[in-house]
N, C-alpha and C. Protein backbone atom coordinates (compact mmCIF):
# COMPACT_ATOMS: atom_id res chain seq x y z
N MET A 1 -30.03 -19.20 -4.21
CA MET A 1 -30.25 -20.19 -4.75
C MET A 1 -29.56 -20.07 -6.30
N ARG A 2 -29.87 -18.80 -6.76
CA ARG A 2 -29.37 -18.69 -8.16
C ARG A 2 -27.88 -18.87 -8.25
N ALA A 3 -27.01 -18.40 -7.33
CA ALA A 3 -25.71 -18.26 -7.28
C ALA A 3 -25.16 -19.92 -7.03
N ILE A 4 -26.00 -20.79 -6.33
CA ILE A 4 -25.60 -22.17 -6.02
C ILE A 4 -25.75 -22.70 -7.55
N SER A 5 -26.86 -22.61 -7.99
CA SER A 5 -27.07 -23.37 -9.30
C SER A 5 -25.91 -22.88 -10.50
N PHE A 6 -25.62 -21.41 -10.32
CA PHE A 6 -24.55 -20.79 -11.26
C PHE A 6 -23.19 -21.64 -10.93
N GLN A 7 -23.12 -21.99 -9.47
CA GLN A 7 -21.54 -22.40 -9.23
C GLN A 7 -21.53 -23.81 -9.61
N ILE A 8 -22.74 -24.42 -9.61
CA ILE A 8 -22.62 -25.83 -10.24
C ILE A 8 -22.39 -25.90 -11.80
N LEU A 9 -23.01 -24.92 -12.54
CA LEU A 9 -22.61 -24.90 -13.98
C LEU A 9 -21.09 -24.35 -14.08
N TYR A 10 -20.66 -23.67 -13.31
CA TYR A 10 -19.27 -23.14 -13.39
C TYR A 10 -18.16 -24.39 -12.90
N ASP A 11 -18.74 -25.29 -12.13
CA ASP A 11 -17.93 -26.56 -11.69
C ASP A 11 -17.88 -27.35 -12.87
N LEU A 12 -19.16 -27.52 -13.61
CA LEU A 12 -19.22 -28.47 -14.74
C LEU A 12 -18.37 -27.98 -15.76
N ALA A 13 -18.38 -26.46 -16.05
CA ALA A 13 -17.41 -25.98 -16.98
C ALA A 13 -15.99 -26.30 -16.58
N VAL A 14 -15.50 -26.22 -15.52
CA VAL A 14 -14.32 -26.36 -15.08
C VAL A 14 -13.83 -28.00 -15.44
N LYS A 15 -14.87 -28.73 -15.12
CA LYS A 15 -14.61 -30.34 -15.34
C LYS A 15 -14.49 -30.30 -16.90
N ASP A 16 -15.15 -29.72 -17.76
CA ASP A 16 -14.96 -29.80 -19.28
C ASP A 16 -13.55 -29.44 -19.67
N VAL A 17 -13.22 -28.50 -18.97
CA VAL A 17 -11.67 -27.82 -19.26
C VAL A 17 -10.90 -29.07 -18.95
N ASP A 18 -10.84 -29.60 -17.70
CA ASP A 18 -10.08 -30.83 -17.42
C ASP A 18 -9.96 -31.89 -18.39
N GLU A 19 -11.31 -32.30 -18.87
CA GLU A 19 -11.39 -33.34 -19.73
C GLU A 19 -10.98 -33.14 -21.16
N ALA A 20 -11.19 -31.96 -21.52
CA ALA A 20 -10.80 -31.40 -22.82
C ALA A 20 -9.08 -31.47 -22.88
N PHE A 21 -8.43 -31.04 -21.75
CA PHE A 21 -7.06 -31.20 -21.54
C PHE A 21 -6.73 -32.61 -21.62
N LYS A 22 -7.31 -33.39 -20.89
CA LYS A 22 -6.99 -34.89 -20.86
C LYS A 22 -7.08 -35.38 -22.50
N ALA A 23 -8.05 -34.93 -23.07
CA ALA A 23 -8.44 -35.23 -24.56
C ALA A 23 -7.22 -34.92 -25.41
N ILE A 24 -6.71 -33.79 -25.18
CA ILE A 24 -5.56 -33.25 -25.89
C ILE A 24 -4.33 -34.25 -25.67
N VAL A 25 -4.17 -34.39 -24.37
CA VAL A 25 -2.79 -35.22 -24.00
C VAL A 25 -2.98 -36.68 -24.75
N ALA A 26 -4.05 -37.28 -24.56
CA ALA A 26 -4.42 -38.46 -25.41
C ALA A 26 -4.01 -38.50 -26.87
N ALA A 27 -4.92 -37.48 -27.58
CA ALA A 27 -4.54 -37.26 -29.06
C ALA A 27 -3.26 -37.19 -29.41
N ASP A 28 -2.37 -36.29 -28.68
CA ASP A 28 -1.10 -35.97 -28.85
C ASP A 28 -0.22 -37.37 -28.65
N ALA A 29 -0.61 -37.91 -27.75
CA ALA A 29 0.13 -39.40 -27.74
C ALA A 29 -0.06 -40.20 -28.83
N ARG A 30 -1.46 -40.21 -29.27
CA ARG A 30 -1.59 -41.02 -30.40
C ARG A 30 -0.89 -40.58 -31.56
N ARG A 31 -0.74 -39.09 -31.60
CA ARG A 31 -0.22 -38.54 -32.88
C ARG A 31 1.53 -38.80 -32.75
N LYS A 32 2.05 -38.78 -31.62
CA LYS A 32 3.48 -39.12 -31.45
C LYS A 32 3.63 -40.55 -31.89
N LYS A 33 2.64 -41.36 -31.58
CA LYS A 33 2.94 -42.81 -31.85
C LYS A 33 2.90 -42.91 -33.31
N ALA A 34 1.86 -42.36 -33.96
CA ALA A 34 1.72 -42.31 -35.51
C ALA A 34 2.97 -41.94 -36.03
N GLU A 35 3.59 -40.80 -35.57
CA GLU A 35 4.67 -40.30 -36.20
C GLU A 35 5.90 -41.03 -36.04
N GLU A 36 6.12 -41.64 -34.90
CA GLU A 36 7.19 -42.47 -34.74
C GLU A 36 6.90 -43.80 -35.60
N GLN A 37 6.08 -44.29 -35.83
CA GLN A 37 5.59 -45.56 -36.72
C GLN A 37 6.23 -45.26 -38.07
N LEU A 38 5.72 -43.76 -38.51
CA LEU A 38 5.91 -43.58 -39.87
C LEU A 38 7.56 -43.46 -40.09
N ILE A 39 8.37 -42.68 -39.15
CA ILE A 39 9.47 -42.80 -39.16
C ILE A 39 10.32 -43.92 -39.31
N ARG A 40 9.83 -44.83 -38.49
CA ARG A 40 10.35 -46.34 -38.52
C ARG A 40 10.04 -46.84 -40.04
N LEU A 41 9.02 -46.68 -40.42
CA LEU A 41 8.66 -47.33 -41.72
C LEU A 41 9.64 -46.65 -42.98
N GLN A 42 9.73 -45.37 -42.69
CA GLN A 42 10.63 -44.54 -43.73
C GLN A 42 12.02 -45.21 -43.79
N GLN A 43 12.44 -45.26 -42.34
CA GLN A 43 13.84 -45.81 -42.03
C GLN A 43 14.09 -47.08 -42.58
N TYR A 44 13.09 -47.91 -42.34
CA TYR A 44 13.22 -49.28 -42.84
C TYR A 44 13.20 -49.29 -44.30
N GLN A 45 12.40 -48.54 -45.12
CA GLN A 45 12.40 -48.52 -46.54
C GLN A 45 13.54 -48.13 -47.09
N TYR A 46 14.35 -46.99 -46.36
CA TYR A 46 15.44 -46.41 -46.83
C TYR A 46 16.56 -47.52 -46.74
N ASP A 47 16.56 -48.25 -45.65
CA ASP A 47 17.70 -49.23 -45.42
C ASP A 47 17.56 -50.28 -46.41
N TYR A 48 16.16 -50.58 -46.58
CA TYR A 48 15.95 -51.82 -47.72
C TYR A 48 16.42 -51.47 -48.99
N LYS A 49 16.01 -50.01 -49.44
CA LYS A 49 16.53 -49.83 -50.70
C LYS A 49 18.17 -49.57 -50.83
N ARG A 50 18.72 -49.13 -49.99
CA ARG A 50 20.12 -49.07 -49.91
C ARG A 50 20.64 -50.56 -50.07
N ARG A 51 20.33 -51.40 -49.32
CA ARG A 51 20.70 -52.80 -49.34
C ARG A 51 20.48 -53.58 -50.85
N LEU A 52 19.39 -53.12 -51.14
CA LEU A 52 18.83 -53.47 -52.57
C LEU A 52 19.85 -53.09 -53.77
N GLN A 53 20.16 -51.70 -53.69
CA GLN A 53 21.08 -51.03 -54.69
C GLN A 53 22.47 -51.76 -54.45
N GLN A 54 22.77 -51.82 -53.26
CA GLN A 54 24.25 -52.73 -53.13
C GLN A 54 24.14 -54.21 -53.64
N SER A 55 23.10 -54.75 -53.27
CA SER A 55 22.89 -56.28 -53.98
C SER A 55 22.95 -56.25 -55.32
N MET A 56 22.08 -55.22 -55.97
CA MET A 56 21.91 -55.18 -57.36
C MET A 56 23.32 -54.80 -58.12
N SER A 57 24.09 -54.04 -57.50
CA SER A 57 25.53 -53.70 -58.08
C SER A 57 26.39 -54.93 -58.10
N GLU A 58 26.08 -55.88 -57.26
CA GLU A 58 26.83 -57.41 -57.26
C GLU A 58 26.10 -58.29 -58.18
N GLY A 59 25.00 -57.94 -58.68
CA GLY A 59 24.22 -58.94 -59.37
C GLY A 59 23.20 -59.66 -58.76
N VAL A 60 21.97 -59.51 -59.14
CA VAL A 60 20.77 -60.24 -58.62
C VAL A 60 19.92 -60.96 -59.67
N LEU A 61 19.33 -61.97 -59.33
CA LEU A 61 18.18 -62.54 -60.24
C LEU A 61 17.17 -61.56 -60.50
N SER A 62 16.68 -61.85 -61.77
CA SER A 62 15.46 -60.88 -62.03
C SER A 62 14.20 -61.22 -61.34
N SER A 63 13.91 -62.34 -61.08
CA SER A 63 12.92 -62.86 -59.86
C SER A 63 13.09 -62.32 -58.75
N GLN A 64 14.27 -62.17 -58.19
CA GLN A 64 14.45 -61.52 -56.95
C GLN A 64 14.23 -59.94 -57.06
N ALA A 65 14.67 -59.41 -58.07
CA ALA A 65 14.58 -58.04 -58.30
C ALA A 65 13.07 -57.71 -58.39
N GLN A 66 12.31 -58.46 -58.91
CA GLN A 66 10.82 -58.30 -59.11
C GLN A 66 10.12 -58.31 -57.68
N ASN A 67 10.68 -59.44 -56.73
CA ASN A 67 10.03 -59.53 -55.48
C ASN A 67 10.51 -58.30 -54.62
N ASP A 68 11.76 -57.61 -54.94
CA ASP A 68 12.00 -56.52 -54.14
C ASP A 68 11.31 -55.45 -54.63
N GLN A 69 10.77 -55.36 -55.95
CA GLN A 69 10.25 -53.93 -56.33
C GLN A 69 8.73 -54.19 -55.73
N LYS A 70 8.22 -55.26 -55.58
CA LYS A 70 6.94 -55.64 -55.01
C LYS A 70 6.77 -55.03 -53.64
N PHE A 71 7.87 -55.64 -52.86
CA PHE A 71 8.06 -55.42 -51.42
C PHE A 71 8.20 -53.77 -51.28
N ILE A 72 8.89 -53.03 -52.17
CA ILE A 72 9.18 -51.58 -51.93
C ILE A 72 7.80 -51.05 -52.28
N SER A 73 6.99 -51.50 -53.19
CA SER A 73 5.67 -50.95 -53.37
C SER A 73 4.68 -51.16 -52.26
N THR A 74 4.87 -52.32 -51.67
CA THR A 74 3.90 -52.67 -50.45
C THR A 74 4.47 -51.52 -49.39
N MET A 75 5.74 -51.46 -49.21
CA MET A 75 6.41 -50.38 -48.28
C MET A 75 5.88 -49.09 -48.56
N ASP A 76 5.73 -48.63 -49.86
CA ASP A 76 5.37 -47.45 -50.22
C ASP A 76 3.85 -47.09 -49.76
N ASP A 77 3.07 -48.21 -50.09
CA ASP A 77 1.61 -48.08 -49.75
C ASP A 77 1.38 -48.27 -48.11
N ALA A 78 2.25 -48.74 -47.37
CA ALA A 78 2.28 -48.70 -46.04
C ALA A 78 2.69 -47.40 -45.34
N ILE A 79 3.57 -46.72 -45.96
CA ILE A 79 4.00 -45.39 -45.87
C ILE A 79 2.91 -44.40 -45.93
N GLN A 80 2.08 -44.53 -46.97
CA GLN A 80 1.18 -43.56 -47.39
C GLN A 80 0.09 -43.79 -46.44
N GLN A 81 -0.48 -45.03 -46.05
CA GLN A 81 -1.27 -45.31 -45.03
C GLN A 81 -0.92 -44.68 -43.84
N GLN A 82 0.27 -44.86 -43.21
CA GLN A 82 0.66 -44.36 -42.17
C GLN A 82 0.77 -42.79 -42.12
N SER A 83 1.02 -42.09 -43.27
CA SER A 83 0.95 -40.70 -43.40
C SER A 83 -0.48 -40.12 -43.14
N ASN A 84 -1.36 -40.96 -43.72
CA ASN A 84 -2.72 -40.54 -43.51
C ASN A 84 -3.16 -40.79 -42.02
N VAL A 85 -2.74 -41.78 -41.43
CA VAL A 85 -2.90 -41.85 -39.85
C VAL A 85 -2.62 -40.83 -39.31
N LEU A 86 -1.10 -40.32 -39.58
CA LEU A 86 -0.42 -39.07 -38.96
C LEU A 86 -1.43 -38.01 -39.18
N GLY A 87 -1.75 -37.72 -40.40
CA GLY A 87 -2.63 -36.35 -40.75
C GLY A 87 -3.94 -36.53 -39.86
N GLN A 88 -4.62 -37.66 -39.71
CA GLN A 88 -5.88 -37.79 -38.90
C GLN A 88 -5.68 -37.37 -37.60
N THR A 89 -4.54 -38.06 -37.15
CA THR A 89 -4.27 -37.71 -35.56
C THR A 89 -3.83 -36.24 -35.16
N GLN A 90 -3.19 -35.64 -36.19
CA GLN A 90 -2.83 -34.18 -36.12
C GLN A 90 -4.21 -33.48 -36.08
N LYS A 91 -5.26 -33.86 -36.89
CA LYS A 91 -6.49 -33.19 -37.02
C LYS A 91 -7.12 -33.31 -35.59
N GLN A 92 -7.15 -34.59 -34.97
CA GLN A 92 -7.68 -34.62 -33.73
C GLN A 92 -7.14 -33.89 -32.68
N VAL A 93 -5.67 -33.79 -32.60
CA VAL A 93 -5.03 -32.82 -31.68
C VAL A 93 -5.61 -31.50 -31.87
N ALA A 94 -5.88 -30.81 -33.25
CA ALA A 94 -6.21 -29.56 -33.42
C ALA A 94 -7.77 -29.37 -32.99
N THR A 95 -8.58 -30.47 -33.18
CA THR A 95 -9.80 -30.36 -32.93
C THR A 95 -10.07 -30.34 -31.35
N GLU A 96 -9.21 -31.16 -30.53
CA GLU A 96 -9.23 -31.30 -29.03
C GLU A 96 -8.79 -30.00 -28.64
N ARG A 97 -7.67 -29.37 -29.12
CA ARG A 97 -7.02 -28.02 -28.76
C ARG A 97 -8.06 -26.92 -28.76
N GLU A 98 -9.10 -27.05 -29.93
CA GLU A 98 -10.12 -26.03 -30.11
C GLU A 98 -11.18 -26.19 -29.02
N ARG A 99 -11.49 -27.31 -28.67
CA ARG A 99 -12.37 -27.85 -27.73
C ARG A 99 -11.99 -27.24 -26.40
N TRP A 100 -10.62 -27.46 -26.01
CA TRP A 100 -10.14 -26.95 -24.78
C TRP A 100 -10.11 -25.36 -24.48
N MET A 101 -9.96 -24.78 -25.89
CA MET A 101 -9.79 -23.30 -25.83
C MET A 101 -11.11 -22.70 -25.62
N VAL A 102 -12.31 -23.28 -26.23
CA VAL A 102 -13.72 -23.10 -25.99
C VAL A 102 -14.14 -23.09 -24.65
N ALA A 103 -13.65 -24.18 -24.22
CA ALA A 103 -14.09 -24.51 -22.71
C ALA A 103 -13.28 -23.37 -21.68
N ARG A 104 -12.24 -23.23 -21.99
CA ARG A 104 -11.60 -22.25 -21.07
C ARG A 104 -12.26 -21.02 -21.24
N ARG A 105 -12.66 -20.56 -22.39
CA ARG A 105 -13.26 -19.28 -22.68
C ARG A 105 -14.49 -19.22 -21.97
N LYS A 106 -15.24 -20.21 -21.84
CA LYS A 106 -16.52 -20.62 -21.17
C LYS A 106 -16.21 -20.37 -19.72
N VAL A 107 -15.16 -20.96 -19.12
CA VAL A 107 -15.00 -20.89 -17.75
C VAL A 107 -14.50 -19.35 -17.48
N ALA A 108 -13.90 -18.76 -18.24
CA ALA A 108 -13.42 -17.30 -17.85
C ALA A 108 -14.91 -16.67 -18.04
N SER A 109 -15.64 -16.76 -18.92
CA SER A 109 -16.76 -15.98 -18.87
C SER A 109 -17.61 -16.36 -17.68
N MET A 110 -17.79 -17.45 -17.01
CA MET A 110 -18.40 -17.72 -15.90
C MET A 110 -17.80 -17.21 -14.67
N GLU A 111 -16.37 -17.10 -14.68
CA GLU A 111 -15.72 -16.37 -13.70
C GLU A 111 -16.02 -14.95 -13.64
N ALA A 112 -16.10 -14.44 -14.54
CA ALA A 112 -16.35 -12.93 -14.81
C ALA A 112 -17.85 -12.64 -14.08
N LEU A 113 -18.74 -13.49 -14.54
CA LEU A 113 -20.17 -13.37 -14.04
C LEU A 113 -20.21 -13.69 -12.55
N LEU A 114 -19.46 -14.74 -12.12
CA LEU A 114 -19.45 -14.87 -10.68
C LEU A 114 -18.82 -13.81 -10.06
N LYS A 115 -17.95 -13.24 -10.37
CA LYS A 115 -17.16 -11.82 -9.69
C LYS A 115 -18.29 -10.84 -9.64
N ARG A 116 -18.95 -10.61 -10.80
CA ARG A 116 -19.96 -9.65 -11.02
C ARG A 116 -20.99 -9.84 -9.79
N ASP A 117 -21.42 -11.09 -9.85
CA ASP A 117 -22.55 -11.33 -8.93
C ASP A 117 -22.19 -11.18 -7.33
N GLN A 118 -20.89 -11.58 -7.08
CA GLN A 118 -20.28 -11.49 -5.89
C GLN A 118 -20.17 -9.99 -5.29
N LYS A 119 -19.87 -9.22 -6.36
CA LYS A 119 -19.75 -7.68 -6.15
C LYS A 119 -21.25 -7.24 -5.82
N ARG A 120 -22.16 -7.71 -6.69
CA ARG A 120 -23.53 -7.31 -6.47
C ARG A 120 -24.08 -7.87 -5.09
N GLN A 121 -23.81 -8.91 -4.62
CA GLN A 121 -24.12 -9.28 -3.46
C GLN A 121 -23.53 -8.60 -2.29
N THR A 122 -21.96 -8.28 -2.37
CA THR A 122 -21.50 -7.36 -1.46
C THR A 122 -22.23 -6.10 -1.30
N LEU A 123 -22.47 -5.56 -2.56
CA LEU A 123 -23.20 -4.13 -2.55
C LEU A 123 -24.52 -4.31 -1.71
N VAL A 124 -25.46 -5.32 -1.98
CA VAL A 124 -26.55 -5.44 -1.46
C VAL A 124 -26.54 -5.66 0.30
N ALA A 125 -25.56 -6.37 0.56
CA ALA A 125 -25.27 -6.52 2.07
C ALA A 125 -24.71 -5.33 2.50
N ALA A 126 -24.11 -4.55 1.82
CA ALA A 126 -23.56 -3.34 2.46
C ALA A 126 -24.65 -2.39 2.58
N LYS A 127 -25.48 -2.45 1.53
CA LYS A 127 -26.83 -1.49 1.67
C LYS A 127 -27.73 -1.83 2.77
N GLN A 128 -27.91 -3.28 2.81
CA GLN A 128 -28.61 -3.56 3.98
C GLN A 128 -28.09 -3.38 5.48
N GLU A 129 -26.70 -3.46 5.52
CA GLU A 129 -26.16 -2.95 6.79
C GLU A 129 -26.30 -1.61 7.07
N GLN A 130 -26.00 -0.66 6.14
CA GLN A 130 -26.21 0.46 6.23
C GLN A 130 -27.57 1.02 6.54
N LYS A 131 -28.66 0.60 5.93
CA LYS A 131 -30.09 0.58 6.30
C LYS A 131 -30.32 0.13 7.71
N ALA A 132 -29.73 -0.82 8.32
CA ALA A 132 -29.87 -1.35 9.65
C ALA A 132 -29.22 -0.37 10.42
N ASN A 133 -28.15 0.12 10.31
CA ASN A 133 -27.26 1.27 10.99
C ASN A 133 -28.16 2.51 11.03
N ASP A 134 -28.69 3.04 9.90
CA ASP A 134 -29.40 4.07 9.88
C ASP A 134 -30.84 3.81 10.59
N GLU A 135 -31.41 2.79 10.72
CA GLU A 135 -32.55 2.65 11.54
C GLU A 135 -32.16 2.58 12.92
N TYR A 136 -31.20 2.01 13.37
CA TYR A 136 -30.58 2.21 14.73
C TYR A 136 -30.41 3.38 15.13
N ALA A 137 -29.73 4.19 14.25
CA ALA A 137 -29.24 5.61 14.66
C ALA A 137 -30.65 6.48 14.79
N ALA A 138 -31.58 6.19 13.83
CA ALA A 138 -32.79 6.82 13.91
C ALA A 138 -33.36 6.56 15.23
N ARG A 139 -33.53 5.28 15.56
CA ARG A 139 -34.42 4.97 16.94
C ARG A 139 -33.52 5.50 18.22
N ALA A 140 -32.28 5.50 18.13
CA ALA A 140 -31.51 6.02 19.07
C ALA A 140 -31.78 7.64 19.29
N TYR A 141 -31.88 8.16 18.35
CA TYR A 141 -32.23 9.66 18.01
C TYR A 141 -33.46 9.96 18.65
N ARG A 142 -34.51 9.17 18.12
CA ARG A 142 -35.78 9.16 18.63
C ARG A 142 -35.73 9.13 20.22
N ARG A 143 -35.23 8.10 20.65
CA ARG A 143 -35.17 7.81 22.14
C ARG A 143 -34.55 9.05 22.94
N LEU A 144 -33.58 9.58 22.40
CA LEU A 144 -32.77 10.64 23.07
C LEU A 144 -33.48 11.83 22.96
N HIS A 145 -34.31 12.15 22.09
CA HIS A 145 -35.12 13.34 21.98
C HIS A 145 -36.48 13.10 22.79
N ALA A 146 -36.89 11.95 22.97
CA ALA A 146 -38.20 11.70 23.31
C ALA A 146 -38.17 11.87 25.08
N ALA A 147 -36.92 11.64 25.51
CA ALA A 147 -36.80 11.65 26.98
C ALA A 147 -36.61 12.90 27.56
């Protein structure tokens, strides 16, 4: 009975490892997406600034230059926000990896305990078999000498 309930706990621990791994994959996908969005924003800002410099060298109205500066400031804010999102997703990946490693260690510990219990059960069974063989041999010896 004890081995059966321990097996159930072991199966649940293995399931936790699988779920933790899936959580890592999902968190890493979110991280990659956030990173790609940040790169796109940075590239767009770079291209915009380059075009702006080119148009300023050709001459631009001060009102247009003001609008461009506001837009660049808005882009800076968006890039900062996306950098924060990326940082959060990186932390989530690290947290999920730690959860997965803890779950793996738990499974490894349970596997060691299961193996130890199996060895114990094997020894108990071997002792019982030896005892039965000894009893059979003793009875056979008694029968042989009683006759």
